[in-house]
């Protein structure tokens, strides 16, 4: 990186990297299989998204947004986004909800067989 002002010019001897950050995500809760969108900065080289210790399926990533699917083994807690320049961890927890229940089915009493 080079900085120039009225006093002169200075060039950094090493590369300058912007660390990733996650500024928000939506939705804030959902069952496994939910698609979650994380917004932030320097997210374009995202390689991994974790919900607790569970690795998510990465849907898409660009400099300001990452989309991932909550894995079946996810745990309630912060989301970790890993890029080539480091990790970003959400300030708030994503709440993993139980799976959506299937509707109950009932049988008429006359359909039952007694022994």
N, C-alpha and C. Protein backbone atom coordinates (compact mmCIF):
# COMPACT_ATOMS: atom_id res chain seq x y z
N UNK A 1 0.85 -1.15 0.00
CA UNK A 1 0.00 0.00 0.00
C UNK A 1 0.91 1.22 0.00
N UNK A 2 0.49 2.23 -0.73
CA UNK A 2 1.23 3.49 -0.80
C UNK A 2 0.36 4.61 -0.27
N UNK A 3 0.93 5.43 0.62
CA UNK A 3 0.24 6.59 1.18
C UNK A 3 1.05 7.82 0.80
N UNK A 4 0.34 8.81 0.25
CA UNK A 4 0.99 10.06 -0.13
C UNK A 4 0.28 11.22 0.53
N UNK A 5 1.06 12.14 1.12
CA UNK A 5 0.51 13.38 1.65
C UNK A 5 1.55 14.48 1.43
N UNK A 6 1.31 15.66 2.02
CA UNK A 6 2.21 16.79 1.79
C UNK A 6 3.63 16.54 2.31
N UNK A 7 3.79 15.59 3.21
CA UNK A 7 5.12 15.29 3.76
C UNK A 7 5.90 14.30 2.89
N UNK A 8 5.21 13.63 1.96
CA UNK A 8 5.90 12.69 1.09
C UNK A 8 5.09 11.44 0.83
N UNK A 9 5.77 10.39 0.38
CA UNK A 9 5.14 9.13 0.01
C UNK A 9 5.82 7.99 0.76
N UNK A 10 5.01 7.09 1.28
CA UNK A 10 5.51 5.91 1.97
C UNK A 10 4.82 4.69 1.38
N UNK A 11 5.60 3.64 1.11
CA UNK A 11 5.05 2.40 0.59
C UNK A 11 5.28 1.28 1.59
N UNK A 12 4.24 0.52 1.87
CA UNK A 12 4.32 -0.60 2.81
C UNK A 12 5.20 -1.69 2.23
N UNK A 13 5.97 -2.34 3.08
CA UNK A 13 6.84 -3.43 2.65
C UNK A 13 6.06 -4.74 2.50
N UNK A 14 4.87 -4.81 3.07
CA UNK A 14 4.07 -6.04 2.98
C UNK A 14 2.70 -5.73 2.39
N UNK A 15 2.02 -6.80 1.96
CA UNK A 15 0.69 -6.64 1.40
C UNK A 15 -0.30 -6.21 2.47
N UNK A 16 -1.31 -5.49 2.04
CA UNK A 16 -2.37 -5.02 2.93
C UNK A 16 -3.61 -5.86 2.66
N UNK A 17 -4.17 -6.47 3.70
CA UNK A 17 -5.37 -7.29 3.56
C UNK A 17 -6.46 -6.75 4.48
N UNK A 18 -7.66 -6.66 3.94
CA UNK A 18 -8.81 -6.26 4.75
C UNK A 18 -9.37 -7.52 5.39
N UNK A 19 -9.49 -7.52 6.70
CA UNK A 19 -10.05 -8.67 7.40
C UNK A 19 -11.55 -8.75 7.17
N UNK A 20 -12.09 -9.96 7.05
CA UNK A 20 -13.53 -10.10 6.85
C UNK A 20 -14.31 -9.68 8.09
N UNK A 21 -15.52 -9.20 7.86
CA UNK A 21 -16.42 -8.89 8.97
C UNK A 21 -17.84 -9.22 8.55
N UNK A 22 -18.64 -9.68 9.50
CA UNK A 22 -20.06 -9.93 9.27
C UNK A 22 -20.82 -8.91 10.11
N UNK A 23 -21.62 -8.08 9.44
CA UNK A 23 -22.35 -7.02 10.13
C UNK A 23 -23.79 -7.41 10.45
N UNK A 24 -24.28 -8.49 9.85
CA UNK A 24 -25.63 -8.94 10.12
C UNK A 24 -25.96 -10.20 9.36
N UNK A 25 -27.09 -10.83 9.71
CA UNK A 25 -27.55 -12.01 8.99
C UNK A 25 -29.05 -12.13 9.15
N UNK A 26 -29.66 -12.79 8.17
CA UNK A 26 -31.10 -12.98 8.19
C UNK A 26 -31.43 -14.31 7.52
N UNK A 27 -32.39 -15.07 8.02
CA UNK A 27 -33.13 -14.85 9.26
C UNK A 27 -32.23 -15.10 10.47
N UNK A 28 -32.73 -14.75 11.65
CA UNK A 28 -31.94 -14.92 12.88
C UNK A 28 -32.18 -16.28 13.53
N UNK A 29 -33.13 -17.05 13.00
CA UNK A 29 -33.44 -18.37 13.53
C UNK A 29 -34.08 -19.21 12.43
N UNK A 30 -33.93 -20.52 12.54
CA UNK A 30 -34.55 -21.42 11.58
C UNK A 30 -34.09 -22.84 11.80
N UNK A 31 -34.80 -23.81 11.22
CA UNK A 31 -34.41 -25.21 11.34
C UNK A 31 -33.30 -25.54 10.35
N UNK A 32 -32.66 -26.71 10.50
CA UNK A 32 -31.71 -27.13 9.48
C UNK A 32 -32.37 -27.09 8.10
N UNK A 33 -31.58 -26.71 7.10
CA UNK A 33 -32.10 -26.55 5.75
C UNK A 33 -32.45 -25.12 5.39
N UNK A 34 -32.47 -24.23 6.39
CA UNK A 34 -32.77 -22.82 6.17
C UNK A 34 -31.61 -22.16 5.43
N UNK A 35 -31.93 -21.32 4.45
CA UNK A 35 -30.92 -20.53 3.75
C UNK A 35 -30.72 -19.23 4.52
N UNK A 36 -29.48 -18.96 4.94
CA UNK A 36 -29.16 -17.78 5.73
C UNK A 36 -28.26 -16.86 4.90
N UNK A 37 -28.59 -15.57 4.88
CA UNK A 37 -27.79 -14.57 4.18
C UNK A 37 -27.04 -13.74 5.20
N UNK A 38 -25.70 -13.73 5.07
CA UNK A 38 -24.84 -12.93 5.94
C UNK A 38 -24.32 -11.75 5.13
N UNK A 39 -24.35 -10.55 5.71
CA UNK A 39 -23.82 -9.37 5.04
C UNK A 39 -22.61 -8.86 5.81
N UNK A 40 -21.72 -8.20 5.08
CA UNK A 40 -20.52 -7.68 5.73
C UNK A 40 -19.53 -7.15 4.72
N UNK A 41 -18.26 -7.28 5.04
CA UNK A 41 -17.18 -6.75 4.20
C UNK A 41 -16.09 -7.79 4.01
N UNK A 42 -15.46 -7.74 2.84
CA UNK A 42 -14.33 -8.62 2.51
C UNK A 42 -14.70 -10.10 2.62
N UNK A 43 -15.88 -10.46 2.12
CA UNK A 43 -16.37 -11.83 2.22
C UNK A 43 -16.19 -12.62 0.92
N UNK A 44 -15.64 -12.01 -0.11
CA UNK A 44 -15.59 -12.61 -1.44
C UNK A 44 -14.82 -13.90 -1.56
N UNK A 45 -13.84 -14.13 -0.70
CA UNK A 45 -13.06 -15.37 -0.80
C UNK A 45 -13.50 -16.39 0.25
N UNK A 46 -14.77 -16.35 0.63
CA UNK A 46 -15.28 -17.27 1.65
C UNK A 46 -15.10 -18.71 1.20
N UNK A 47 -14.52 -19.52 2.09
CA UNK A 47 -14.33 -20.93 1.79
C UNK A 47 -15.19 -21.83 2.69
N UNK A 48 -15.50 -21.35 3.89
CA UNK A 48 -16.25 -22.17 4.85
C UNK A 48 -17.18 -21.30 5.69
N UNK A 49 -18.37 -21.83 5.98
CA UNK A 49 -19.30 -21.20 6.92
C UNK A 49 -19.64 -22.26 7.96
N UNK A 50 -19.54 -21.89 9.24
CA UNK A 50 -19.85 -22.81 10.33
C UNK A 50 -21.02 -22.29 11.16
N UNK A 51 -21.95 -23.18 11.48
CA UNK A 51 -23.01 -22.90 12.45
C UNK A 51 -22.64 -23.74 13.66
N UNK A 52 -22.05 -23.10 14.68
CA UNK A 52 -21.44 -23.86 15.76
C UNK A 52 -20.27 -24.61 15.14
N UNK A 53 -20.13 -25.91 15.42
CA UNK A 53 -19.04 -26.68 14.83
C UNK A 53 -19.39 -27.31 13.48
N UNK A 54 -20.63 -27.12 13.02
CA UNK A 54 -21.11 -27.80 11.82
C UNK A 54 -20.85 -26.99 10.55
N UNK A 55 -20.30 -27.65 9.54
CA UNK A 55 -19.99 -27.00 8.26
C UNK A 55 -21.26 -26.89 7.42
N UNK A 56 -21.53 -25.67 6.95
CA UNK A 56 -22.71 -25.40 6.13
C UNK A 56 -22.40 -25.60 4.65
N UNK A 57 -23.44 -25.76 3.85
CA UNK A 57 -23.31 -25.78 2.40
C UNK A 57 -23.29 -24.34 1.93
N UNK A 58 -22.24 -23.95 1.22
CA UNK A 58 -22.09 -22.60 0.71
C UNK A 58 -22.87 -22.47 -0.59
N UNK A 59 -23.81 -21.53 -0.66
CA UNK A 59 -24.62 -21.31 -1.85
C UNK A 59 -23.96 -20.28 -2.76
N UNK A 60 -23.54 -19.15 -2.18
CA UNK A 60 -22.89 -18.09 -2.96
C UNK A 60 -22.10 -17.18 -2.03
N UNK A 61 -21.15 -16.47 -2.63
CA UNK A 61 -20.36 -15.51 -1.85
C UNK A 61 -19.85 -14.41 -2.77
N UNK A 62 -19.94 -13.17 -2.30
CA UNK A 62 -19.29 -12.05 -2.98
C UNK A 62 -18.72 -11.15 -1.90
N UNK A 63 -18.18 -10.02 -2.27
CA UNK A 63 -17.48 -9.16 -1.32
C UNK A 63 -18.34 -8.75 -0.13
N UNK A 64 -19.66 -8.60 -0.33
CA UNK A 64 -20.50 -8.07 0.75
C UNK A 64 -21.59 -9.02 1.24
N UNK A 65 -21.66 -10.23 0.67
CA UNK A 65 -22.75 -11.13 1.06
C UNK A 65 -22.36 -12.59 0.88
N UNK A 66 -22.76 -13.41 1.84
CA UNK A 66 -22.56 -14.86 1.77
C UNK A 66 -23.91 -15.52 2.05
N UNK A 67 -24.24 -16.54 1.28
CA UNK A 67 -25.47 -17.30 1.50
C UNK A 67 -25.07 -18.76 1.76
N UNK A 68 -25.60 -19.33 2.85
CA UNK A 68 -25.29 -20.71 3.21
C UNK A 68 -26.53 -21.38 3.76
N UNK A 69 -26.52 -22.71 3.74
CA UNK A 69 -27.65 -23.50 4.23
C UNK A 69 -27.28 -24.11 5.58
N UNK A 70 -28.17 -23.94 6.56
CA UNK A 70 -27.94 -24.46 7.91
C UNK A 70 -27.86 -25.99 7.84
N UNK A 71 -26.75 -26.58 8.31
CA UNK A 71 -26.62 -28.03 8.26
C UNK A 71 -27.47 -28.74 9.32
N UNK A 72 -27.72 -30.01 9.10
CA UNK A 72 -28.54 -30.79 10.02
C UNK A 72 -27.96 -30.93 11.41
N UNK A 73 -26.65 -30.79 11.54
CA UNK A 73 -26.00 -30.95 12.85
C UNK A 73 -25.64 -29.61 13.48
N UNK A 74 -26.25 -28.53 12.98
CA UNK A 74 -25.95 -27.19 13.50
C UNK A 74 -26.38 -27.05 14.95
N UNK A 75 -25.69 -26.15 15.65
CA UNK A 75 -26.03 -25.83 17.03
C UNK A 75 -26.26 -24.33 17.15
N UNK A 76 -27.14 -23.93 18.05
CA UNK A 76 -27.37 -22.51 18.29
C UNK A 76 -26.07 -21.86 18.73
N UNK A 77 -25.74 -20.73 18.12
CA UNK A 77 -24.52 -20.02 18.46
C UNK A 77 -24.11 -19.09 17.34
N UNK A 78 -22.95 -18.46 17.48
CA UNK A 78 -22.46 -17.55 16.45
C UNK A 78 -22.18 -18.31 15.14
N UNK A 79 -22.21 -17.57 14.05
CA UNK A 79 -21.85 -18.10 12.73
C UNK A 79 -20.42 -17.66 12.46
N UNK A 80 -19.59 -18.58 11.96
CA UNK A 80 -18.21 -18.24 11.61
C UNK A 80 -18.06 -18.32 10.10
N UNK A 81 -17.56 -17.24 9.50
CA UNK A 81 -17.29 -17.19 8.06
C UNK A 81 -15.77 -17.15 7.90
N UNK A 82 -15.22 -18.11 7.16
CA UNK A 82 -13.78 -18.18 6.95
C UNK A 82 -13.46 -17.77 5.52
N UNK A 83 -12.52 -16.83 5.38
CA UNK A 83 -12.05 -16.38 4.06
C UNK A 83 -10.54 -16.62 3.99
N UNK A 84 -9.96 -16.30 2.85
CA UNK A 84 -8.52 -16.41 2.70
C UNK A 84 -7.75 -15.46 3.59
N UNK A 85 -8.43 -14.43 4.12
CA UNK A 85 -7.77 -13.43 4.96
C UNK A 85 -8.09 -13.56 6.45
N UNK A 86 -8.88 -14.55 6.83
CA UNK A 86 -9.18 -14.73 8.24
C UNK A 86 -10.62 -15.14 8.49
N UNK A 87 -11.01 -15.09 9.75
CA UNK A 87 -12.36 -15.49 10.17
C UNK A 87 -13.17 -14.28 10.61
N UNK A 88 -14.46 -14.33 10.34
CA UNK A 88 -15.40 -13.34 10.87
C UNK A 88 -16.44 -14.12 11.67
N UNK A 89 -16.70 -13.69 12.88
CA UNK A 89 -17.66 -14.37 13.75
C UNK A 89 -18.77 -13.39 14.08
N UNK A 90 -20.02 -13.82 13.92
CA UNK A 90 -21.15 -12.93 14.18
C UNK A 90 -21.22 -12.57 15.65
N UNK A 91 -21.64 -11.34 15.92
CA UNK A 91 -21.80 -10.88 17.30
C UNK A 91 -23.00 -11.55 17.96
N UNK A 92 -24.02 -11.85 17.17
CA UNK A 92 -25.24 -12.48 17.69
C UNK A 92 -25.28 -13.95 17.29
N UNK A 93 -26.03 -14.72 18.04
CA UNK A 93 -26.18 -16.15 17.77
C UNK A 93 -27.30 -16.39 16.78
N UNK A 94 -27.12 -17.41 15.93
CA UNK A 94 -28.20 -17.93 15.11
C UNK A 94 -28.87 -19.01 15.94
N UNK A 95 -30.19 -18.95 16.05
CA UNK A 95 -30.92 -19.94 16.84
C UNK A 95 -31.40 -21.07 15.94
N UNK A 96 -30.89 -22.27 16.19
CA UNK A 96 -31.30 -23.44 15.42
C UNK A 96 -32.59 -23.97 16.05
N UNK A 97 -33.64 -24.00 15.25
CA UNK A 97 -34.95 -24.49 15.70
C UNK A 97 -35.08 -25.96 15.33
N UNK A 98 -35.94 -26.67 16.03
CA UNK A 98 -36.19 -28.07 15.72
C UNK A 98 -36.79 -28.19 14.33
N UNK A 99 -36.74 -29.38 13.77
CA UNK A 99 -37.32 -29.56 12.43
C UNK A 99 -38.82 -29.28 12.45
N UNK A 100 -39.32 -28.88 11.32
CA UNK A 100 -40.75 -28.61 11.20
C UNK A 100 -41.49 -29.94 11.28
N UNK A 101 -42.45 -30.02 12.18
CA UNK A 101 -43.18 -31.27 12.40
C UNK A 101 -44.13 -31.55 11.25
N UNK A 102 -44.28 -32.82 10.93
CA UNK A 102 -45.25 -33.22 9.93
C UNK A 102 -46.63 -33.19 10.56
N UNK A 103 -47.65 -32.91 9.78
CA UNK A 103 -49.00 -32.91 10.36
C UNK A 103 -49.35 -34.30 10.89
N UNK A 104 -50.05 -34.34 11.99
CA UNK A 104 -50.47 -35.62 12.58
C UNK A 104 -51.61 -36.20 11.76
N UNK A 105 -51.66 -37.52 11.70
CA UNK A 105 -52.78 -38.18 11.04
C UNK A 105 -53.52 -39.00 12.09
N UNK A 106 -54.81 -39.03 11.96
CA UNK A 106 -55.65 -39.74 12.91
C UNK A 106 -56.45 -40.80 12.18
N UNK A 107 -56.69 -41.90 12.86
CA UNK A 107 -57.49 -42.96 12.28
C UNK A 107 -58.80 -43.04 13.05
N UNK A 108 -59.84 -43.34 12.32
CA UNK A 108 -61.13 -43.53 12.98
C UNK A 108 -61.09 -44.79 13.82
N UNK A 109 -61.84 -44.79 14.87
CA UNK A 109 -61.88 -45.94 15.77
C UNK A 109 -62.32 -47.20 15.02
N UNK A 110 -63.19 -47.07 14.06
CA UNK A 110 -63.68 -48.23 13.31
C UNK A 110 -62.59 -48.84 12.43
N UNK A 111 -61.49 -48.08 12.18
CA UNK A 111 -60.39 -48.61 11.36
C UNK A 111 -59.41 -49.45 12.17
N UNK A 112 -59.55 -49.45 13.48
CA UNK A 112 -58.62 -50.17 14.33
C UNK A 112 -59.09 -51.60 14.55
N UNK A 113 -58.15 -52.49 14.68
CA UNK A 113 -58.46 -53.89 14.92
C UNK A 113 -58.14 -54.21 16.37
N UNK A 114 -59.09 -54.81 17.07
CA UNK A 114 -58.87 -55.18 18.47
C UNK A 114 -58.36 -56.61 18.53
N UNK A 115 -57.51 -56.89 19.50
CA UNK A 115 -56.99 -58.25 19.68
C UNK A 115 -57.54 -58.85 20.93
